[in-house]
N, C-alpha and C. Protein backbone atom coordinates (compact mmCIF):
# COMPACT_ATOMS: atom_id res chain seq x y z
N MET A 1 6.45 -16.19 -18.20
CA MET A 1 6.40 -15.81 -16.80
C MET A 1 6.12 -14.31 -16.72
N ALA A 2 5.13 -13.93 -15.94
CA ALA A 2 4.71 -12.53 -15.83
C ALA A 2 5.25 -11.92 -14.54
N VAL A 3 6.47 -11.40 -14.60
CA VAL A 3 7.05 -10.72 -13.45
C VAL A 3 6.99 -9.21 -13.72
N PRO A 4 6.34 -8.47 -12.86
CA PRO A 4 6.23 -7.03 -13.08
C PRO A 4 7.60 -6.35 -13.16
N LYS A 5 7.71 -5.41 -14.08
CA LYS A 5 8.95 -4.64 -14.27
C LYS A 5 8.86 -3.27 -13.61
N LYS A 6 7.62 -2.78 -13.41
CA LYS A 6 7.41 -1.45 -12.85
C LYS A 6 6.27 -1.49 -11.85
N VAL A 7 6.24 -0.49 -10.97
CA VAL A 7 5.18 -0.34 -9.99
C VAL A 7 4.95 1.14 -9.75
N PHE A 8 3.71 1.51 -9.43
CA PHE A 8 3.45 2.85 -8.93
C PHE A 8 2.50 2.74 -7.75
N PHE A 9 2.52 3.76 -6.92
CA PHE A 9 1.69 3.79 -5.72
C PHE A 9 0.62 4.85 -5.88
N THR A 10 -0.55 4.56 -5.36
CA THR A 10 -1.66 5.50 -5.47
C THR A 10 -2.58 5.31 -4.28
N ARG A 11 -3.49 6.27 -4.11
CA ARG A 11 -4.44 6.21 -3.01
C ARG A 11 -5.67 7.02 -3.38
N GLY A 12 -6.80 6.75 -2.71
CA GLY A 12 -8.01 7.49 -3.02
C GLY A 12 -9.08 7.32 -1.97
N THR A 13 -10.07 8.23 -2.04
CA THR A 13 -11.22 8.22 -1.15
C THR A 13 -12.49 8.33 -1.97
N GLY A 14 -13.53 7.62 -1.56
CA GLY A 14 -14.82 7.71 -2.22
C GLY A 14 -15.95 7.78 -1.20
N VAL A 15 -17.00 8.49 -1.57
CA VAL A 15 -18.19 8.62 -0.71
C VAL A 15 -19.42 8.46 -1.59
N HIS A 16 -20.36 7.61 -1.15
CA HIS A 16 -21.59 7.39 -1.91
C HIS A 16 -22.61 6.68 -1.01
N LYS A 17 -23.88 6.74 -1.40
CA LYS A 17 -24.91 6.05 -0.60
C LYS A 17 -24.80 4.54 -0.71
N ASP A 18 -24.24 4.04 -1.79
CA ASP A 18 -24.05 2.60 -2.00
C ASP A 18 -22.59 2.22 -1.74
N ARG A 19 -22.41 1.11 -1.06
CA ARG A 19 -21.07 0.64 -0.70
C ARG A 19 -20.19 0.43 -1.94
N LEU A 20 -20.69 -0.27 -2.94
CA LEU A 20 -19.91 -0.54 -4.13
C LEU A 20 -19.56 0.74 -4.88
N ALA A 21 -20.50 1.65 -4.96
CA ALA A 21 -20.24 2.92 -5.64
C ALA A 21 -19.21 3.76 -4.88
N SER A 22 -19.19 3.64 -3.57
CA SER A 22 -18.18 4.32 -2.77
C SER A 22 -16.79 3.77 -3.09
N PHE A 23 -16.70 2.43 -3.21
CA PHE A 23 -15.44 1.80 -3.59
C PHE A 23 -15.02 2.25 -4.99
N GLU A 24 -15.96 2.25 -5.92
CA GLU A 24 -15.68 2.71 -7.30
C GLU A 24 -15.16 4.14 -7.28
N SER A 25 -15.76 4.97 -6.47
CA SER A 25 -15.34 6.37 -6.37
C SER A 25 -13.91 6.48 -5.82
N ALA A 26 -13.57 5.63 -4.86
CA ALA A 26 -12.20 5.62 -4.33
C ALA A 26 -11.21 5.16 -5.41
N LEU A 27 -11.59 4.14 -6.19
CA LEU A 27 -10.75 3.70 -7.30
C LEU A 27 -10.56 4.83 -8.31
N ARG A 28 -11.63 5.55 -8.58
CA ARG A 28 -11.58 6.68 -9.52
C ARG A 28 -10.64 7.76 -9.00
N ASP A 29 -10.76 8.06 -7.71
CA ASP A 29 -9.88 9.06 -7.09
C ASP A 29 -8.41 8.64 -7.19
N ALA A 30 -8.17 7.34 -7.11
CA ALA A 30 -6.81 6.80 -7.21
C ALA A 30 -6.35 6.64 -8.65
N GLY A 31 -7.28 6.78 -9.61
CA GLY A 31 -6.92 6.68 -11.02
C GLY A 31 -6.89 5.27 -11.58
N ILE A 32 -7.46 4.29 -10.85
CA ILE A 32 -7.34 2.89 -11.29
C ILE A 32 -8.69 2.21 -11.50
N GLU A 33 -9.72 2.98 -11.75
CA GLU A 33 -11.07 2.41 -11.92
C GLU A 33 -11.28 1.75 -13.28
N ARG A 34 -10.43 2.01 -14.25
CA ARG A 34 -10.62 1.49 -15.61
C ARG A 34 -10.07 0.08 -15.83
N TYR A 35 -9.51 -0.51 -14.78
CA TYR A 35 -8.80 -1.77 -14.96
C TYR A 35 -9.47 -2.90 -14.17
N ASN A 36 -9.24 -4.12 -14.61
CA ASN A 36 -9.69 -5.30 -13.89
C ASN A 36 -8.59 -5.66 -12.90
N LEU A 37 -8.83 -5.35 -11.65
CA LEU A 37 -7.80 -5.50 -10.63
C LEU A 37 -7.79 -6.91 -10.07
N VAL A 38 -6.60 -7.46 -9.99
CA VAL A 38 -6.39 -8.78 -9.42
C VAL A 38 -5.49 -8.58 -8.20
N TYR A 39 -6.00 -8.96 -7.04
CA TYR A 39 -5.25 -8.77 -5.80
C TYR A 39 -4.17 -9.84 -5.69
N VAL A 40 -2.96 -9.40 -5.37
CA VAL A 40 -1.85 -10.33 -5.16
C VAL A 40 -1.26 -10.08 -3.78
N SER A 41 -0.42 -11.02 -3.35
CA SER A 41 0.16 -10.91 -2.01
C SER A 41 1.34 -9.94 -2.00
N SER A 42 2.23 -10.12 -1.08
CA SER A 42 3.11 -9.05 -0.65
C SER A 42 4.54 -9.04 -1.19
N ILE A 43 4.83 -9.74 -2.26
CA ILE A 43 6.21 -9.77 -2.76
C ILE A 43 6.45 -8.64 -3.77
N PHE A 44 7.50 -7.86 -3.52
CA PHE A 44 7.93 -6.82 -4.45
C PHE A 44 8.98 -7.47 -5.35
N PRO A 45 8.71 -7.58 -6.66
CA PRO A 45 9.59 -8.35 -7.55
C PRO A 45 11.02 -7.80 -7.63
N PRO A 46 11.99 -8.71 -7.81
CA PRO A 46 13.37 -8.27 -8.03
C PRO A 46 13.44 -7.37 -9.27
N ASN A 47 14.30 -6.39 -9.22
CA ASN A 47 14.57 -5.47 -10.35
C ASN A 47 13.36 -4.67 -10.80
N CYS A 48 12.32 -4.62 -10.02
CA CYS A 48 11.13 -3.82 -10.33
C CYS A 48 11.45 -2.37 -9.96
N ILE A 49 11.08 -1.44 -10.83
CA ILE A 49 11.37 -0.03 -10.56
C ILE A 49 10.08 0.75 -10.31
N GLU A 50 10.17 1.71 -9.43
CA GLU A 50 9.02 2.55 -9.14
C GLU A 50 8.96 3.70 -10.14
N VAL A 51 7.76 3.93 -10.66
CA VAL A 51 7.51 5.06 -11.54
C VAL A 51 6.41 5.91 -10.92
N SER A 52 6.25 7.10 -11.44
CA SER A 52 5.18 7.96 -10.93
C SER A 52 3.82 7.40 -11.33
N ARG A 53 2.80 7.79 -10.60
CA ARG A 53 1.44 7.38 -10.95
C ARG A 53 1.11 7.80 -12.37
N GLU A 54 1.45 9.03 -12.71
CA GLU A 54 1.17 9.56 -14.05
C GLU A 54 1.83 8.71 -15.13
N ASP A 55 3.10 8.39 -14.96
CA ASP A 55 3.80 7.57 -15.96
C ASP A 55 3.27 6.15 -16.00
N GLY A 56 2.94 5.59 -14.85
CA GLY A 56 2.41 4.23 -14.80
C GLY A 56 1.07 4.12 -15.50
N LEU A 57 0.19 5.08 -15.26
CA LEU A 57 -1.14 5.04 -15.89
C LEU A 57 -1.05 5.11 -17.41
N LYS A 58 -0.05 5.77 -17.94
CA LYS A 58 0.14 5.87 -19.39
C LYS A 58 0.41 4.50 -20.03
N GLU A 59 0.91 3.56 -19.23
CA GLU A 59 1.26 2.24 -19.76
C GLU A 59 0.13 1.21 -19.67
N LEU A 60 -0.98 1.61 -19.08
CA LEU A 60 -2.10 0.68 -18.90
C LEU A 60 -3.26 1.04 -19.83
N ALA A 61 -3.99 0.02 -20.27
CA ALA A 61 -5.13 0.21 -21.17
C ALA A 61 -6.43 -0.13 -20.44
N PRO A 62 -7.50 0.61 -20.72
CA PRO A 62 -8.79 0.30 -20.09
C PRO A 62 -9.17 -1.17 -20.30
N GLY A 63 -9.64 -1.81 -19.24
CA GLY A 63 -10.02 -3.22 -19.30
C GLY A 63 -8.89 -4.19 -19.05
N GLU A 64 -7.67 -3.70 -19.02
CA GLU A 64 -6.51 -4.56 -18.81
C GLU A 64 -6.57 -5.22 -17.43
N ILE A 65 -6.10 -6.45 -17.35
CA ILE A 65 -5.95 -7.12 -16.06
C ILE A 65 -4.68 -6.57 -15.42
N VAL A 66 -4.84 -6.00 -14.24
CA VAL A 66 -3.74 -5.32 -13.55
C VAL A 66 -3.60 -5.91 -12.15
N TYR A 67 -2.39 -6.27 -11.79
CA TYR A 67 -2.11 -6.84 -10.48
C TYR A 67 -1.84 -5.72 -9.47
N VAL A 68 -2.46 -5.83 -8.30
CA VAL A 68 -2.30 -4.81 -7.27
C VAL A 68 -2.17 -5.45 -5.88
N VAL A 69 -1.43 -4.79 -5.02
CA VAL A 69 -1.51 -5.03 -3.59
C VAL A 69 -2.38 -3.89 -3.10
N LEU A 70 -3.52 -4.22 -2.50
CA LEU A 70 -4.52 -3.21 -2.18
C LEU A 70 -4.92 -3.28 -0.71
N ALA A 71 -4.92 -2.12 -0.07
CA ALA A 71 -5.48 -1.97 1.27
C ALA A 71 -6.77 -1.19 1.12
N ARG A 72 -7.83 -1.64 1.79
CA ARG A 72 -9.16 -1.02 1.64
C ARG A 72 -9.85 -0.99 2.99
N ASN A 73 -10.54 0.12 3.25
CA ASN A 73 -11.32 0.22 4.46
C ASN A 73 -12.55 1.05 4.16
N GLU A 74 -13.64 0.77 4.87
CA GLU A 74 -14.89 1.50 4.60
C GLU A 74 -15.76 1.55 5.84
N THR A 75 -16.60 2.58 5.88
CA THR A 75 -17.52 2.75 7.00
C THR A 75 -18.75 3.53 6.57
N LYS A 76 -19.83 3.34 7.32
CA LYS A 76 -21.03 4.18 7.20
C LYS A 76 -21.20 5.02 8.46
N GLU A 77 -20.31 4.82 9.41
CA GLU A 77 -20.42 5.52 10.69
C GLU A 77 -19.94 6.97 10.54
N PRO A 78 -20.80 7.94 10.82
CA PRO A 78 -20.40 9.34 10.68
C PRO A 78 -19.16 9.68 11.51
N ASN A 79 -18.25 10.36 10.87
CA ASN A 79 -17.03 10.90 11.50
C ASN A 79 -16.04 9.85 12.01
N ARG A 80 -16.25 8.57 11.71
CA ARG A 80 -15.30 7.54 12.14
C ARG A 80 -14.01 7.68 11.34
N ARG A 81 -12.88 7.70 12.03
CA ARG A 81 -11.58 7.83 11.37
C ARG A 81 -11.20 6.49 10.74
N LEU A 82 -10.80 6.52 9.46
CA LEU A 82 -10.39 5.29 8.80
C LEU A 82 -9.18 5.52 7.92
N THR A 83 -8.35 4.49 7.81
CA THR A 83 -7.13 4.56 7.02
C THR A 83 -6.96 3.28 6.20
N ALA A 84 -6.18 3.42 5.14
CA ALA A 84 -5.71 2.28 4.35
C ALA A 84 -4.27 2.62 3.94
N ALA A 85 -3.35 1.70 4.15
CA ALA A 85 -1.94 2.00 3.90
C ALA A 85 -1.23 0.81 3.26
N ILE A 86 -0.24 1.12 2.45
CA ILE A 86 0.66 0.13 1.86
C ILE A 86 2.06 0.47 2.33
N GLY A 87 2.78 -0.53 2.87
CA GLY A 87 4.17 -0.34 3.26
C GLY A 87 5.08 -1.05 2.28
N LEU A 88 6.31 -0.55 2.16
CA LEU A 88 7.30 -1.12 1.24
C LEU A 88 8.64 -1.24 1.95
N ALA A 89 9.32 -2.35 1.76
CA ALA A 89 10.70 -2.53 2.24
C ALA A 89 11.49 -3.22 1.13
N LEU A 90 12.61 -2.60 0.76
CA LEU A 90 13.44 -3.13 -0.31
C LEU A 90 14.83 -3.49 0.20
N PRO A 91 15.36 -4.62 -0.27
CA PRO A 91 16.71 -5.00 0.11
C PRO A 91 17.75 -4.18 -0.65
N LYS A 92 18.97 -4.20 -0.16
CA LYS A 92 20.07 -3.47 -0.81
C LYS A 92 20.28 -3.96 -2.25
N GLU A 93 20.21 -5.26 -2.43
CA GLU A 93 20.44 -5.86 -3.75
C GLU A 93 19.14 -5.83 -4.56
N SER A 94 19.13 -5.10 -5.66
CA SER A 94 17.90 -4.96 -6.45
C SER A 94 17.47 -6.26 -7.12
N ASN A 95 18.38 -7.23 -7.23
CA ASN A 95 18.00 -8.51 -7.83
C ASN A 95 17.37 -9.47 -6.82
N GLN A 96 17.16 -9.00 -5.59
CA GLN A 96 16.44 -9.77 -4.57
C GLN A 96 15.04 -9.17 -4.42
N TYR A 97 14.12 -9.98 -3.92
CA TYR A 97 12.76 -9.48 -3.75
C TYR A 97 12.62 -8.71 -2.44
N GLY A 98 11.65 -7.80 -2.44
CA GLY A 98 11.31 -7.05 -1.24
C GLY A 98 9.90 -7.41 -0.80
N TYR A 99 9.36 -6.61 0.11
CA TYR A 99 8.02 -6.87 0.64
C TYR A 99 7.13 -5.63 0.59
N LEU A 100 5.87 -5.90 0.33
CA LEU A 100 4.80 -4.91 0.47
C LEU A 100 3.87 -5.41 1.55
N SER A 101 3.22 -4.50 2.24
CA SER A 101 2.24 -4.91 3.24
C SER A 101 1.00 -4.04 3.11
N GLU A 102 -0.14 -4.61 3.49
CA GLU A 102 -1.40 -3.85 3.51
C GLU A 102 -1.82 -3.69 4.96
N HIS A 103 -2.34 -2.52 5.26
CA HIS A 103 -2.85 -2.27 6.61
C HIS A 103 -4.06 -1.36 6.47
N HIS A 104 -5.11 -1.70 7.19
CA HIS A 104 -6.30 -0.84 7.24
C HIS A 104 -6.79 -0.82 8.68
N ALA A 105 -7.20 0.37 9.11
CA ALA A 105 -7.56 0.50 10.53
C ALA A 105 -8.61 1.58 10.74
N PHE A 106 -9.23 1.52 11.90
CA PHE A 106 -10.12 2.56 12.37
C PHE A 106 -9.45 3.24 13.55
N GLY A 107 -9.61 4.55 13.66
CA GLY A 107 -9.15 5.27 14.83
C GLY A 107 -7.68 5.68 14.82
N GLU A 108 -6.90 5.20 13.86
CA GLU A 108 -5.48 5.55 13.82
C GLU A 108 -5.27 6.86 13.06
N THR A 109 -4.17 7.53 13.37
CA THR A 109 -3.79 8.70 12.59
C THR A 109 -3.18 8.22 11.27
N LYS A 110 -3.08 9.12 10.32
CA LYS A 110 -2.47 8.81 9.04
C LYS A 110 -1.01 8.37 9.25
N GLU A 111 -0.31 9.10 10.11
CA GLU A 111 1.10 8.79 10.38
C GLU A 111 1.25 7.41 11.03
N ASP A 112 0.44 7.11 12.04
CA ASP A 112 0.54 5.81 12.73
C ASP A 112 0.20 4.66 11.80
N SER A 113 -0.83 4.81 10.99
CA SER A 113 -1.23 3.75 10.08
C SER A 113 -0.15 3.51 9.02
N GLY A 114 0.37 4.59 8.46
CA GLY A 114 1.42 4.47 7.45
C GLY A 114 2.69 3.84 8.00
N GLU A 115 3.10 4.28 9.19
CA GLU A 115 4.30 3.71 9.81
C GLU A 115 4.10 2.24 10.17
N TYR A 116 2.88 1.88 10.56
CA TYR A 116 2.61 0.48 10.88
C TYR A 116 2.78 -0.39 9.62
N ALA A 117 2.24 0.08 8.49
CA ALA A 117 2.37 -0.67 7.24
C ALA A 117 3.84 -0.78 6.83
N GLU A 118 4.58 0.29 6.99
CA GLU A 118 6.01 0.29 6.66
C GLU A 118 6.76 -0.69 7.57
N ASP A 119 6.44 -0.68 8.84
CA ASP A 119 7.03 -1.59 9.82
C ASP A 119 6.74 -3.05 9.45
N LEU A 120 5.49 -3.35 9.07
CA LEU A 120 5.14 -4.71 8.68
C LEU A 120 6.00 -5.20 7.52
N ALA A 121 6.12 -4.37 6.49
CA ALA A 121 6.92 -4.77 5.32
C ALA A 121 8.39 -4.96 5.71
N ALA A 122 8.93 -4.04 6.48
CA ALA A 122 10.34 -4.13 6.89
C ALA A 122 10.59 -5.36 7.76
N THR A 123 9.66 -5.66 8.65
CA THR A 123 9.82 -6.82 9.52
C THR A 123 9.78 -8.12 8.71
N MET A 124 8.87 -8.20 7.75
CA MET A 124 8.83 -9.41 6.90
C MET A 124 10.14 -9.57 6.14
N LEU A 125 10.68 -8.47 5.60
CA LEU A 125 11.94 -8.54 4.86
C LEU A 125 13.08 -8.90 5.81
N ALA A 126 13.12 -8.28 6.98
CA ALA A 126 14.20 -8.54 7.94
C ALA A 126 14.26 -10.01 8.32
N THR A 127 13.10 -10.64 8.50
CA THR A 127 13.11 -12.06 8.89
C THR A 127 13.66 -12.93 7.77
N THR A 128 13.42 -12.58 6.52
CA THR A 128 13.96 -13.39 5.42
C THR A 128 15.45 -13.15 5.21
N LEU A 129 15.94 -11.99 5.64
CA LEU A 129 17.36 -11.66 5.47
C LEU A 129 18.20 -12.05 6.69
N GLY A 130 17.54 -12.58 7.73
CA GLY A 130 18.26 -13.02 8.91
C GLY A 130 18.75 -11.88 9.81
N ILE A 131 18.08 -10.75 9.77
CA ILE A 131 18.45 -9.62 10.62
C ILE A 131 17.83 -9.84 12.00
N SER A 132 18.65 -9.81 13.03
CA SER A 132 18.17 -9.99 14.39
C SER A 132 17.56 -8.70 14.91
N PHE A 133 16.41 -8.83 15.57
CA PHE A 133 15.76 -7.66 16.15
C PHE A 133 14.79 -8.12 17.22
N ASN A 134 14.42 -7.19 18.08
CA ASN A 134 13.43 -7.45 19.12
C ASN A 134 12.10 -6.90 18.60
N PRO A 135 11.12 -7.76 18.35
CA PRO A 135 9.85 -7.29 17.79
C PRO A 135 9.07 -6.36 18.72
N ASP A 136 9.46 -6.30 20.00
CA ASP A 136 8.75 -5.44 20.94
C ASP A 136 9.30 -4.02 21.00
N THR A 137 10.41 -3.75 20.31
CA THR A 137 10.94 -2.38 20.30
C THR A 137 10.13 -1.52 19.33
N ALA A 138 10.19 -0.23 19.52
CA ALA A 138 9.45 0.71 18.67
C ALA A 138 9.96 0.66 17.24
N TRP A 139 9.07 0.99 16.30
CA TRP A 139 9.41 0.98 14.87
C TRP A 139 10.64 1.82 14.58
N GLN A 140 10.75 2.99 15.15
CA GLN A 140 11.88 3.88 14.86
C GLN A 140 13.21 3.22 15.25
N GLU A 141 13.22 2.48 16.35
CA GLU A 141 14.44 1.78 16.76
C GLU A 141 14.75 0.64 15.80
N ARG A 142 13.73 -0.14 15.47
CA ARG A 142 13.95 -1.27 14.54
C ARG A 142 14.34 -0.76 13.16
N GLU A 143 13.77 0.35 12.74
CA GLU A 143 14.12 0.92 11.43
C GLU A 143 15.62 1.20 11.38
N GLN A 144 16.18 1.75 12.44
CA GLN A 144 17.62 2.02 12.50
C GLN A 144 18.43 0.72 12.44
N ILE A 145 17.96 -0.31 13.14
CA ILE A 145 18.65 -1.61 13.13
C ILE A 145 18.62 -2.19 11.72
N TYR A 146 17.46 -2.15 11.08
CA TYR A 146 17.33 -2.70 9.72
C TYR A 146 18.28 -2.01 8.76
N LYS A 147 18.27 -0.69 8.79
CA LYS A 147 19.10 0.07 7.84
C LYS A 147 20.59 -0.04 8.19
N ALA A 148 20.91 -0.13 9.47
CA ALA A 148 22.31 -0.28 9.88
C ALA A 148 22.87 -1.64 9.47
N SER A 149 22.00 -2.62 9.27
CA SER A 149 22.47 -3.95 8.85
C SER A 149 23.09 -3.93 7.47
N GLY A 150 22.76 -2.90 6.69
CA GLY A 150 23.26 -2.81 5.32
C GLY A 150 22.51 -3.70 4.35
N LYS A 151 21.49 -4.40 4.83
CA LYS A 151 20.74 -5.31 3.97
C LYS A 151 19.42 -4.73 3.49
N ILE A 152 18.89 -3.74 4.22
CA ILE A 152 17.64 -3.08 3.83
C ILE A 152 17.96 -1.62 3.59
N ILE A 153 17.64 -1.12 2.39
CA ILE A 153 18.01 0.26 2.11
C ILE A 153 16.81 1.21 2.02
N THR A 154 15.64 0.69 1.69
CA THR A 154 14.49 1.57 1.49
C THR A 154 13.27 1.05 2.22
N THR A 155 12.63 1.93 2.97
CA THR A 155 11.30 1.65 3.49
C THR A 155 10.48 2.90 3.27
N LYS A 156 9.21 2.72 2.97
CA LYS A 156 8.31 3.85 2.77
C LYS A 156 6.87 3.36 2.88
N HIS A 157 5.96 4.29 2.83
CA HIS A 157 4.54 3.92 2.84
C HIS A 157 3.73 4.97 2.09
N VAL A 158 2.53 4.53 1.70
CA VAL A 158 1.52 5.44 1.16
C VAL A 158 0.25 5.15 1.95
N CYS A 159 -0.44 6.22 2.37
CA CYS A 159 -1.59 6.04 3.23
C CYS A 159 -2.70 7.01 2.85
N GLU A 160 -3.92 6.51 2.85
CA GLU A 160 -5.10 7.35 2.67
C GLU A 160 -5.84 7.40 3.99
N TYR A 161 -6.30 8.59 4.34
CA TYR A 161 -6.90 8.83 5.66
C TYR A 161 -8.09 9.77 5.48
N THR A 162 -9.17 9.48 6.16
CA THR A 162 -10.31 10.39 6.17
C THR A 162 -11.21 10.05 7.34
N HIS A 163 -12.31 10.75 7.43
CA HIS A 163 -13.35 10.47 8.41
C HIS A 163 -14.61 10.06 7.66
N GLY A 164 -15.42 9.20 8.28
CA GLY A 164 -16.68 8.80 7.68
C GLY A 164 -17.56 10.01 7.39
N ASP A 165 -18.30 9.92 6.31
CA ASP A 165 -19.20 11.01 5.90
C ASP A 165 -20.13 11.38 7.05
N GLU A 166 -20.27 12.66 7.30
CA GLU A 166 -21.07 13.13 8.44
C GLU A 166 -22.55 12.78 8.33
N ASN A 167 -23.02 12.47 7.11
CA ASN A 167 -24.43 12.10 6.91
C ASN A 167 -24.64 10.60 6.85
N GLY A 168 -23.59 9.82 7.12
CA GLY A 168 -23.73 8.36 7.16
C GLY A 168 -23.66 7.68 5.81
N LEU A 169 -23.14 8.37 4.79
CA LEU A 169 -22.92 7.71 3.50
C LEU A 169 -21.70 6.79 3.61
N TRP A 170 -21.65 5.79 2.74
CA TRP A 170 -20.48 4.91 2.71
C TRP A 170 -19.25 5.74 2.35
N THR A 171 -18.19 5.56 3.13
CA THR A 171 -16.91 6.22 2.88
C THR A 171 -15.86 5.12 2.77
N THR A 172 -15.11 5.15 1.67
CA THR A 172 -14.11 4.13 1.40
C THR A 172 -12.76 4.79 1.17
N VAL A 173 -11.71 4.20 1.74
CA VAL A 173 -10.34 4.63 1.46
C VAL A 173 -9.57 3.44 0.92
N ILE A 174 -8.67 3.71 -0.03
CA ILE A 174 -7.80 2.67 -0.57
C ILE A 174 -6.38 3.21 -0.70
N ALA A 175 -5.44 2.30 -0.65
CA ALA A 175 -4.05 2.56 -0.98
C ALA A 175 -3.59 1.35 -1.79
N ALA A 176 -2.80 1.58 -2.83
CA ALA A 176 -2.45 0.47 -3.71
C ALA A 176 -1.05 0.60 -4.27
N ALA A 177 -0.42 -0.57 -4.44
CA ALA A 177 0.79 -0.70 -5.25
C ALA A 177 0.31 -1.37 -6.53
N VAL A 178 0.50 -0.70 -7.66
CA VAL A 178 -0.04 -1.16 -8.95
C VAL A 178 1.14 -1.63 -9.82
N PHE A 179 1.08 -2.90 -10.21
CA PHE A 179 2.18 -3.47 -11.00
C PHE A 179 1.94 -3.32 -12.50
N ILE A 180 3.02 -3.12 -13.22
CA ILE A 180 3.00 -3.04 -14.69
C ILE A 180 3.90 -4.17 -15.19
N ILE A 181 3.33 -5.05 -16.00
CA ILE A 181 4.06 -6.21 -16.53
C ILE A 181 4.93 -5.77 -17.71
C-alpha cells in the first residue's frame, strides 16, 4: 500500500509562445519538472508530515512517478489576472485524514484565491467531522467556528498569481502539494 509519509508545497509561473512549454516552465519554476506527475484527488493522508520544498526535492529522483494535487491555470490574453491555489485543512488527530483542494481562477486577487482554496478544504473536512456551520457565512467567520470546534487545527494555502504576458504569450501558473511515498 502506497500511503505518502511526507508532503511539500510549491508553486510556479511559466511564459512561452507554446502552451505546453509554458506549463513546463511553470513546473520548472516550481522545481517539479523532472518527475512523472500523477494527479490525485484531495485526501491528505493520516500521519503525513509537511517538509520544506528543498528537503522534499532531495528525496525524489528524476523520472520518478510522483503523486500531486495540482491547480493549474493558463492564458494567452495580455494582462489577464490568473491564479492557481492549493488549500489544506488538517484535523486535530494526526491519525485521521485531512483535505486538500485545488482552485484556479481569473480576475481574483492572490489573497482571495488562496483563501477560497483554504475555505474549500476546511469545508470538506468540516462536513466529514460533523461540524455544523452556515455555508453562506464569510470564510473568516467559518474559520473561527471550525477551529473553535477543537476538531480542525490547521488550515493554510499556497497560491501562485500573475498577469498574462503583455505580448500575448502563453502564461501558466501552478500550485501543488507534492507527495513523497
